[in-house]
Amino acid sequence: MKIAVVGSGYVGLVSGACFADFGHEVTCIDLDERKITALNNGEIPIFEPGLEQLVADNKAAGRLSFTTSLDEAVAGAQVVFISVGTPSRRGDGHADLSYVYAAAASIAKAVTGFTVVVTKSTVPVGTGDEVERIIRETNPQADVVVVSNPEFLREGAAIEDFKRPDRIVVGIEDERAREVMSEVYRPLYLNQAPLLFTGRRTAELTKYAANAFLAMKITFINEVADLCERVGADVQDVARGIGLDNRIGSKFLNAGPGYGGSCFPKDTLAMVKTGQDYDSPLRLVETTISINDQRKRAMGRKIIAACGGDVRGKTIGLLGLTFKPNTDDMRDAPAIAIVQTLVDAGAKVRGYDPEGMQAARHVLENIEYGTDAYDVASGADALVLVTEWNAFRSLDFDRARSVMNSPVLVDLRNVYRRKEVEAKGFTYYSIGKPARAEAAGVAQAAE
């Protein structure tokens, strides 16, 4: 099939490359000439494991191309995916749909013959209706059906998620789209990926509901972690205990500094705004957003407490800056609020991230940057593990302690075991686990 993908950002680029790998003829479109030039030169603007090779292989095979010419790419395409950004709108928190609507108008002018226009961008309920209205108004003669096909990709594992999905949700209002979309995803039939056809509004809401539920799950275990610290329990054991229940599941039960990234923060907020617009408030999601925002600064205060309650004039080293490993995405990363809290308290902050240094420099101008974990540790009064990159899972603590001013490790991802770190001469702080004294008190009480 001939497929056009409007938008060559994270979702558009991954989707386009994967569709091409399925054997379709795919053209990715973007108005940013520098991005298209870079892609045509084999330069990938984002870090996603396996994406560079996937793009190179399919370009070489002639199945994947990049252009700034929407008209040329859309003309003759059987399916056109809209994969542009939908950031939170300044002022009110609603999803900014201006890019989606602009793409719809441009597509309407360029389509030839029967075309399925698919919204893959994350959009509020009813967006497909407006996209259809724009296309009809712009080009009344266009033979177009509008479909919702939300993405469920995890940054850092996007290619695997695309090729071996839990489900593929397709929202249609015209039965002609069913056969076309089935053909688009036909190569996945061997993997028995569930292809769920629903109404268009149902598909749009499914995406938001999924992200909101996962955000609530993360926030829930983070609050449980706080309680664990107070009562002398271990949140990792609690998570295992409840995660073995098939009704709950073990995923997204890792306590940490709060969620961030390109999806959960904006999508939960957009869902709340949708609920307010339809006079159907989503109190759980509203509370989730509030708790998560507060937690990020609370992690900064936790670090300050680990340094004796005062970090003025002290140096704090941060290991990991991106919101999660295997991505260079700094959007709403917990590190941003943590850094600001520490700087507000008078600390000098030094950070390092294996892939996010360039992106971090655009949002964290008030810190120094190291060349590796040990450069960050040099002269530090505390070392903080913020993002659980593999590079930080086997630190040489003898080496780190030898260059630090004070051997303190604050592990915000529970990567290490207390005994192992303390055996190396460090004072260790984690998330949702009893302090050494608390643990001893619990043991004595049990005796």
Protein backbone atom coordinates (compact mmCIF):
# COMPACT_ATOMS: atom_id res chain seq x y z
CA MET A 1 0.00 0.00 0.00
CA LYS A 2 1.04 3.61 -0.51
CA ILE A 3 1.06 5.40 2.83
CA ALA A 4 1.80 9.02 3.69
CA VAL A 5 2.66 10.06 7.24
CA VAL A 6 2.23 13.74 8.06
CA GLY A 7 4.64 14.63 10.85
CA SER A 8 8.08 13.11 11.28
CA GLY A 9 8.43 13.45 15.03
CA TYR A 10 8.56 10.55 17.46
CA VAL A 11 5.27 8.87 16.55
CA GLY A 12 5.38 9.67 12.84
CA LEU A 13 8.95 8.52 12.32
CA VAL A 14 8.58 5.28 14.27
CA SER A 15 5.24 4.51 12.62
CA GLY A 16 6.51 5.32 9.14
CA ALA A 17 9.63 3.19 9.53
CA CYS A 18 7.65 0.25 10.89
CA PHE A 19 4.99 0.46 8.17
CA ALA A 20 7.78 0.47 5.61
CA ASP A 21 9.30 -2.57 7.28
CA PHE A 22 5.91 -4.28 6.84
CA GLY A 23 6.44 -3.85 3.09
CA HIS A 24 4.33 -0.74 2.48
CA GLU A 25 5.57 2.21 0.42
CA VAL A 26 5.83 5.03 2.95
CA THR A 27 6.58 8.74 2.63
CA CYS A 28 7.11 10.75 5.81
CA ILE A 29 6.36 14.46 5.58
CA ASP A 30 7.49 17.37 7.70
CA LEU A 31 7.54 21.13 7.22
CA ASP A 32 10.91 21.38 8.97
CA GLU A 33 13.40 21.36 6.10
CA ARG A 34 16.36 20.80 8.41
CA LYS A 35 14.73 17.68 9.85
CA ILE A 36 13.94 16.26 6.41
CA THR A 37 17.44 17.02 5.17
CA ALA A 38 18.89 15.30 8.21
CA LEU A 39 16.65 12.25 7.73
CA ASN A 40 17.60 12.02 4.07
CA ASN A 41 21.24 12.09 5.19
CA GLY A 42 20.62 9.25 7.62
CA GLU A 43 20.58 11.42 10.74
CA ILE A 44 17.85 10.51 13.24
CA PRO A 45 16.59 13.49 15.29
CA ILE A 46 15.57 11.39 18.30
CA PHE A 47 17.16 8.57 20.24
CA GLU A 48 15.17 5.36 20.05
CA PRO A 49 16.90 1.97 20.17
CA GLY A 50 16.93 0.29 16.75
CA LEU A 51 15.32 3.20 14.89
CA GLU A 52 18.43 4.38 13.04
CA GLN A 53 19.04 0.94 11.53
CA LEU A 54 15.36 0.44 10.73
CA VAL A 55 15.22 3.74 8.84
CA ALA A 56 18.46 3.01 7.00
CA ASP A 57 17.35 -0.48 5.93
CA ASN A 58 14.00 0.66 4.58
CA LYS A 59 15.44 3.71 2.83
CA ALA A 60 17.95 1.43 1.12
CA ALA A 61 15.13 -0.90 0.10
CA GLY A 62 13.24 2.01 -1.46
CA ARG A 63 10.22 1.64 0.82
CA LEU A 64 10.79 4.74 2.98
CA SER A 65 11.35 8.32 1.89
CA PHE A 66 11.18 11.80 3.42
CA THR A 67 9.91 15.05 1.95
CA THR A 68 8.61 18.52 2.76
CA SER A 69 6.10 18.29 -0.10
CA LEU A 70 2.78 17.21 1.38
CA ASP A 71 0.90 17.54 -1.91
CA GLU A 72 3.23 15.17 -3.72
CA ALA A 73 3.24 12.57 -0.94
CA VAL A 74 -0.51 12.60 -0.30
CA ALA A 75 -1.58 12.48 -3.95
CA GLY A 76 -2.22 8.85 -4.75
CA ALA A 77 -1.78 7.64 -1.17
CA GLN A 78 -4.37 5.14 -0.05
CA VAL A 79 -3.86 5.97 3.61
CA VAL A 80 -2.67 9.23 5.17
CA PHE A 81 -1.69 9.26 8.83
CA ILE A 82 -1.75 12.50 10.84
CA SER A 83 1.08 12.20 13.38
CA VAL A 84 1.73 15.79 14.40
CA GLY A 85 2.22 17.09 17.93
CA THR A 86 -0.64 17.87 20.31
CA PRO A 87 1.10 19.67 23.19
CA SER A 88 -0.75 21.18 26.12
CA ARG A 89 -2.14 24.55 25.13
CA ARG A 90 -0.76 27.45 27.08
CA GLY A 91 -3.22 29.06 29.43
CA ASP A 92 -5.85 26.36 29.82
CA GLY A 93 -4.16 22.94 29.54
CA HIS A 94 -6.32 21.70 26.66
CA ALA A 95 -4.59 19.78 23.86
CA ASP A 96 -3.39 22.15 21.17
CA LEU A 97 -4.99 20.78 18.02
CA SER A 98 -3.86 23.53 15.66
CA TYR A 99 -1.28 21.27 13.99
CA VAL A 100 -3.85 18.49 13.52
CA TYR A 101 -6.38 20.84 11.95
CA ALA A 102 -3.77 22.47 9.70
CA ALA A 103 -2.70 19.02 8.51
CA ALA A 104 -6.32 18.07 7.81
CA ALA A 105 -6.84 21.16 5.65
CA SER A 106 -3.64 20.53 3.70
CA ILE A 107 -4.50 16.86 3.18
CA ALA A 108 -7.97 17.78 1.92
CA LYS A 109 -6.45 19.86 -0.87
CA ALA A 110 -4.04 17.12 -1.94
CA VAL A 111 -6.02 13.86 -1.84
CA THR A 112 -6.84 12.07 -5.07
CA GLY A 113 -9.33 9.22 -5.17
CA PHE A 114 -10.67 7.30 -2.19
CA THR A 115 -8.43 7.99 0.82
CA VAL A 116 -8.47 6.92 4.46
CA VAL A 117 -7.23 9.74 6.68
CA VAL A 118 -6.07 8.40 10.03
CA THR A 119 -5.50 10.44 13.16
CA LYS A 120 -2.61 8.81 15.00
CA SER A 121 -1.82 11.87 17.10
CA THR A 122 -3.24 11.72 20.61
CA VAL A 123 -6.39 13.83 20.46
CA PRO A 124 -9.45 14.51 22.63
CA VAL A 125 -12.83 12.96 21.98
CA GLY A 126 -14.53 14.52 18.98
CA THR A 127 -11.37 15.56 17.15
CA GLY A 128 -12.08 13.11 14.34
CA ASP A 129 -15.45 14.79 13.82
CA GLU A 130 -13.74 18.16 13.41
CA VAL A 131 -11.07 16.72 11.11
CA GLU A 132 -13.83 15.32 8.92
CA ARG A 133 -15.67 18.65 8.92
CA ILE A 134 -12.50 20.52 7.91
CA ILE A 135 -11.82 18.12 5.05
CA ARG A 136 -15.42 18.33 3.79
CA GLU A 137 -15.40 22.12 4.02
CA THR A 138 -11.99 22.46 2.33
CA ASN A 139 -12.68 20.00 -0.46
CA PRO A 140 -16.36 18.97 -0.78
CA GLN A 141 -15.48 16.58 -3.61
CA ALA A 142 -12.93 14.63 -1.58
CA ASP A 143 -13.76 10.94 -1.18
CA VAL A 144 -12.35 10.57 2.32
CA VAL A 145 -13.15 8.63 5.47
CA VAL A 146 -11.61 9.68 8.78
CA VAL A 147 -10.33 7.08 11.22
CA SER A 148 -8.86 7.17 14.72
CA ASN A 149 -5.88 4.86 15.31
CA PRO A 150 -4.16 5.89 18.54
CA GLU A 151 -0.59 4.81 19.24
CA PHE A 152 0.45 2.91 22.35
CA LEU A 153 4.22 3.18 22.08
CA ARG A 154 6.61 3.30 25.01
CA GLU A 155 9.64 5.48 24.45
CA GLY A 156 12.69 3.25 24.53
CA ALA A 157 10.70 0.24 23.30
CA ALA A 158 8.66 1.79 20.50
CA ILE A 159 9.67 -0.52 17.67
CA GLU A 160 8.95 -3.63 19.71
CA ASP A 161 5.61 -2.17 20.78
CA PHE A 162 4.68 -1.34 17.19
CA LYS A 163 5.59 -4.74 15.80
CA ARG A 164 4.30 -6.81 18.72
CA PRO A 165 1.44 -4.73 20.11
CA ASP A 166 -0.92 -5.71 22.90
CA ARG A 167 -3.73 -4.38 20.73
CA ILE A 168 -4.44 -2.18 17.72
CA VAL A 169 -7.42 0.11 18.25
CA VAL A 170 -9.14 1.45 15.13
CA GLY A 171 -12.09 3.79 15.40
CA ILE A 172 -14.26 3.99 12.28
CA GLU A 173 -17.58 5.54 11.26
CA ASP A 174 -17.54 4.29 7.66
CA GLU A 175 -17.26 0.55 6.98
CA ARG A 176 -15.11 1.20 3.92
CA ALA A 177 -12.24 1.95 6.29
CA ARG A 178 -12.32 -1.50 7.89
CA GLU A 179 -10.85 -3.37 4.91
CA VAL A 180 -8.19 -0.71 4.32
CA MET A 181 -7.02 -0.61 7.94
CA SER A 182 -7.03 -4.41 8.10
CA GLU A 183 -4.70 -4.44 5.11
CA VAL A 184 -2.41 -1.82 6.70
CA TYR A 185 -1.89 -4.07 9.72
CA ARG A 186 -2.16 -7.42 7.92
CA PRO A 187 1.56 -8.25 8.50
CA LEU A 188 0.85 -8.38 12.24
CA TYR A 189 -1.68 -11.17 11.90
CA LEU A 190 1.11 -13.72 12.33
CA ASN A 191 1.71 -12.25 15.78
CA GLN A 192 -2.02 -12.55 16.49
CA ALA A 193 -2.20 -8.91 17.55
CA PRO A 194 -5.82 -8.08 18.48
CA LEU A 195 -7.29 -5.64 15.97
CA LEU A 196 -10.11 -3.91 17.84
CA PHE A 197 -12.56 -1.96 15.72
CA THR A 198 -14.66 0.56 17.62
CA GLY A 199 -16.46 3.82 17.05
CA ARG A 200 -14.16 6.78 16.37
CA ARG A 201 -14.90 8.59 19.63
CA THR A 202 -14.39 5.37 21.58
CA ALA A 203 -10.93 4.94 20.06
CA GLU A 204 -10.01 8.53 20.91
CA LEU A 205 -11.07 8.10 24.52
CA THR A 206 -9.35 4.70 24.82
CA LYS A 207 -5.94 6.30 24.37
CA TYR A 208 -6.51 8.88 27.10
CA ALA A 209 -8.07 6.33 29.44
CA ALA A 210 -5.10 3.99 29.05
CA ASN A 211 -2.53 6.68 29.82
CA ALA A 212 -4.55 8.07 32.72
CA PHE A 213 -4.89 4.62 34.27
CA LEU A 214 -1.15 3.95 34.02
CA ALA A 215 -0.38 7.37 35.47
CA MET A 216 -2.70 6.61 38.39
CA LYS A 217 -0.99 3.25 38.90
CA ILE A 218 2.42 4.92 39.10
CA THR A 219 1.11 7.58 41.46
CA PHE A 220 -0.58 4.98 43.64
CA ILE A 221 2.62 3.00 44.22
CA ASN A 222 4.52 6.24 44.88
CA GLU A 223 2.08 7.12 47.66
CA VAL A 224 2.34 3.59 49.01
CA ALA A 225 6.12 4.04 48.99
CA ASP A 226 5.79 7.08 51.23
CA LEU A 227 3.65 5.08 53.63
CA CYS A 228 6.17 2.23 53.56
CA GLU A 229 8.90 4.60 54.72
CA ARG A 230 6.75 5.72 57.65
CA VAL A 231 5.71 2.25 58.84
CA GLY A 232 8.92 0.34 58.11
CA ALA A 233 7.70 -1.67 55.11
CA ASP A 234 9.38 -2.39 51.76
CA VAL A 235 7.55 -1.01 48.73
CA GLN A 236 9.25 -3.40 46.32
CA ASP A 237 7.90 -6.37 48.25
CA VAL A 238 4.48 -4.72 48.47
CA ALA A 239 4.55 -4.18 44.70
CA ARG A 240 5.47 -7.82 44.12
CA GLY A 241 2.74 -8.93 46.49
CA ILE A 242 0.00 -7.00 44.73
CA GLY A 243 1.46 -7.37 41.25
CA LEU A 244 1.15 -11.15 41.37
CA ASP A 245 -2.60 -10.62 41.43
CA ASN A 246 -3.62 -11.00 37.78
CA ARG A 247 -6.29 -8.37 38.25
CA ILE A 248 -3.58 -5.81 39.07
CA GLY A 249 -0.42 -6.93 37.25
CA SER A 250 3.18 -6.06 38.00
CA LYS A 251 3.82 -3.38 35.38
CA PHE A 252 4.02 0.31 36.36
CA LEU A 253 4.43 -0.55 40.04
CA ASN A 254 8.00 0.70 40.40
CA ALA A 255 8.17 3.50 42.95
CA GLY A 256 10.18 6.51 41.89
CA PRO A 257 10.31 10.30 41.54
CA GLY A 258 7.09 10.62 39.54
CA TYR A 259 6.13 10.25 35.90
CA GLY A 260 7.15 12.58 33.08
CA GLY A 261 7.65 12.40 29.34
CA SER A 262 5.70 13.41 26.29
CA CYS A 263 2.47 11.52 27.04
CA PHE A 264 1.31 11.12 30.62
CA PRO A 265 1.56 14.77 31.76
CA LYS A 266 -0.22 16.30 28.76
CA ASP A 267 -2.67 13.45 28.22
CA THR A 268 -3.89 13.32 31.82
CA LEU A 269 -4.36 17.08 31.78
CA ALA A 270 -6.20 16.98 28.45
CA MET A 271 -8.47 14.23 29.74
CA VAL A 272 -9.33 16.28 32.82
CA LYS A 273 -10.17 19.24 30.59
CA THR A 274 -12.39 17.03 28.43
CA GLY A 275 -14.21 15.82 31.52
CA GLN A 276 -14.78 19.40 32.63
CA ASP A 277 -16.09 20.38 29.19
CA TYR A 278 -18.63 17.56 29.28
CA ASP A 279 -19.58 18.18 32.94
CA SER A 280 -18.16 14.77 33.89
CA PRO A 281 -15.20 15.53 36.19
CA LEU A 282 -12.43 12.96 36.56
CA ARG A 283 -11.47 13.40 40.20
CA LEU A 284 -9.02 10.51 40.34
CA VAL A 285 -7.09 11.85 37.36
CA GLU A 286 -7.15 15.40 38.77
CA THR A 287 -5.68 14.12 42.04
CA THR A 288 -3.08 12.04 40.18
CA ILE A 289 -1.81 15.13 38.37
CA SER A 290 -1.59 17.13 41.59
CA ILE A 291 0.21 14.39 43.52
CA ASN A 292 2.69 13.78 40.71
CA ASP A 293 3.55 17.47 40.38
CA GLN A 294 4.15 17.75 44.13
CA ARG A 295 6.21 14.57 44.24
CA LYS A 296 8.92 15.86 41.94
CA ARG A 297 9.80 18.75 44.23
CA ALA A 298 9.40 16.42 47.20
CA MET A 299 12.25 14.35 45.75
CA GLY A 300 14.39 17.47 45.84
CA ARG A 301 13.53 17.90 49.51
CA LYS A 302 14.36 14.24 50.11
CA ILE A 303 17.84 14.85 48.72
CA ILE A 304 18.23 17.92 50.93
CA ALA A 305 17.21 15.86 53.98
CA ALA A 306 19.78 13.21 53.04
CA CYS A 307 22.42 15.94 53.14
CA GLY A 308 21.55 16.88 56.70
CA GLY A 309 18.79 19.35 55.85
CA ASP A 310 21.02 21.99 54.25
CA VAL A 311 22.62 21.92 50.81
CA ARG A 312 23.70 25.55 50.59
CA GLY A 313 27.18 25.58 49.09
CA LYS A 314 27.15 21.82 48.60
CA THR A 315 27.54 19.96 45.29
CA ILE A 316 24.92 17.42 44.27
CA GLY A 317 25.59 15.02 41.40
CA LEU A 318 22.66 13.71 39.35
CA LEU A 319 22.90 10.46 37.42
CA GLY A 320 20.32 10.53 34.65
CA LEU A 321 18.28 13.52 33.49
CA THR A 322 15.75 12.14 30.98
CA PHE A 323 12.34 11.05 32.27
CA LYS A 324 13.19 7.39 31.63
CA PRO A 325 16.10 5.36 30.20
CA ASN A 326 16.60 4.59 26.51
CA THR A 327 15.34 7.98 25.36
CA ASP A 328 16.69 11.51 25.07
CA ASP A 329 13.31 12.99 26.03
CA MET A 330 13.45 15.68 28.71
CA ARG A 331 9.79 16.69 28.56
CA ASP A 332 8.40 17.00 32.11
CA ALA A 333 11.31 14.92 33.41
CA PRO A 334 11.43 14.75 37.24
CA ALA A 335 15.02 15.99 37.03
CA ILE A 336 13.76 19.44 36.05
CA ALA A 337 11.84 20.01 39.30
CA ILE A 338 14.52 18.27 41.34
CA VAL A 339 17.24 20.55 39.98
CA GLN A 340 15.15 23.65 40.59
CA THR A 341 14.45 22.61 44.18
CA LEU A 342 18.14 22.02 44.85
CA VAL A 343 19.22 25.27 43.18
CA ASP A 344 16.57 27.20 45.13
CA ALA A 345 18.11 25.74 48.30
CA GLY A 346 21.58 27.00 47.32
CA ALA A 347 23.10 23.81 45.97
CA LYS A 348 25.50 23.50 43.08
CA VAL A 349 24.21 20.78 40.74
CA ARG A 350 26.17 18.69 38.29
CA GLY A 351 24.49 16.15 36.00
CA TYR A 352 25.12 13.51 33.38
CA ASP A 353 22.88 11.47 31.09
CA PRO A 354 24.00 8.89 28.49
CA GLU A 355 21.71 10.26 25.74
CA GLY A 356 19.92 13.33 27.04
CA MET A 357 22.72 15.87 27.45
CA GLN A 358 21.86 17.93 24.38
CA ALA A 359 18.14 18.05 25.20
CA ALA A 360 18.88 18.77 28.87
CA ARG A 361 20.93 21.85 28.02
CA HIS A 362 17.81 23.45 26.55
CA VAL A 363 15.82 23.09 29.79
CA LEU A 364 18.48 22.95 32.53
CA GLU A 365 20.68 25.98 32.18
CA ASN A 366 21.49 26.31 35.87
CA ILE A 367 23.64 23.19 36.28
CA GLU A 368 27.04 21.93 35.21
CA TYR A 369 27.41 18.85 33.01
CA GLY A 370 29.81 15.99 33.58
CA THR A 371 31.33 13.58 31.11
CA ASP A 372 30.37 10.41 32.99
CA ALA A 373 29.13 9.20 36.36
CA TYR A 374 32.49 9.60 38.07
CA ASP A 375 33.04 13.09 36.75
CA VAL A 376 29.66 13.98 38.27
CA ALA A 377 30.67 12.31 41.54
CA SER A 378 33.93 14.27 41.78
CA GLY A 379 33.69 16.63 44.76
CA ALA A 380 30.02 15.85 45.29
CA ASP A 381 28.40 15.85 48.71
CA ALA A 382 25.74 13.44 47.45
CA LEU A 383 25.16 11.34 44.36
CA VAL A 384 21.55 10.95 43.20
CA LEU A 385 20.36 8.21 40.84
CA VAL A 386 17.47 9.88 39.00
CA THR A 387 17.10 7.75 35.84
CA GLU A 388 17.82 4.03 35.85
CA TRP A 389 20.06 3.79 32.79
CA ASN A 390 21.98 0.52 32.52
CA ALA A 391 25.18 2.56 32.73
CA PHE A 392 24.30 3.37 36.35
CA ARG A 393 23.32 -0.13 37.47
CA SER A 394 26.87 -1.34 38.15
CA LEU A 395 28.69 1.66 39.56
CA ASP A 396 32.19 1.26 40.94
CA PHE A 397 31.45 2.55 44.42
CA ASP A 398 35.07 2.40 45.52
CA ARG A 399 35.99 4.70 42.67
CA ALA A 400 33.04 7.00 43.31
CA ARG A 401 33.75 7.25 47.05
CA SER A 402 37.39 8.09 46.38
CA VAL A 403 36.43 11.26 44.48
CA MET A 404 33.39 12.36 46.48
CA ASN A 405 33.42 14.92 49.23
CA SER A 406 30.85 12.90 51.17
CA PRO A 407 29.80 9.32 50.27
CA VAL A 408 26.01 9.67 50.14
CA LEU A 409 23.82 7.90 47.57
CA VAL A 410 20.17 8.80 47.09
CA ASP A 411 18.67 6.07 44.93
CA LEU A 412 15.37 7.37 43.55
CA ARG A 413 14.85 4.22 41.46
CA ASN A 414 15.68 1.50 44.02
CA VAL A 415 18.34 0.05 41.73
CA TYR A 416 20.69 -0.97 44.54
CA ARG A 417 20.50 -2.95 47.77
CA ARG A 418 21.21 -1.10 50.98
CA LYS A 419 23.68 -3.65 52.37
CA GLU A 420 25.80 -3.66 49.23
CA VAL A 421 26.06 0.13 49.10
CA GLU A 422 26.66 0.58 52.81
CA ALA A 423 29.37 -2.08 52.67
CA LYS A 424 31.23 0.30 50.34
CA GLY A 425 31.16 3.05 52.94
CA PHE A 426 28.16 4.96 51.63
CA THR A 427 25.15 6.32 53.44
CA TYR A 428 22.21 5.04 51.42
CA TYR A 429 18.72 6.46 50.89
CA SER A 430 16.04 4.86 48.72
CA ILE A 431 12.32 5.10 47.92
CA GLY A 432 9.71 3.30 50.00
CA LYS A 433 12.09 1.30 52.15
CA PRO A 434 12.72 1.47 55.89
CA ALA A 435 15.85 3.27 57.01
CA ARG A 436 18.42 1.12 58.78
CA ALA A 437 17.31 2.31 62.21
CA GLU A 438 13.65 1.78 61.34
CA ALA A 439 14.37 -1.69 60.06
CA ALA A 440 16.17 -2.55 63.28
CA GLY A 441 13.26 -1.25 65.32
CA VAL A 442 10.82 -3.37 63.38
CA ALA A 443 13.01 -6.43 63.88
CA GLN A 444 13.21 -5.81 67.62
CA ALA A 445 9.46 -5.36 67.83
CA ALA A 446 8.97 -8.66 65.98
CA GLU A 447 11.21 -10.43 68.51
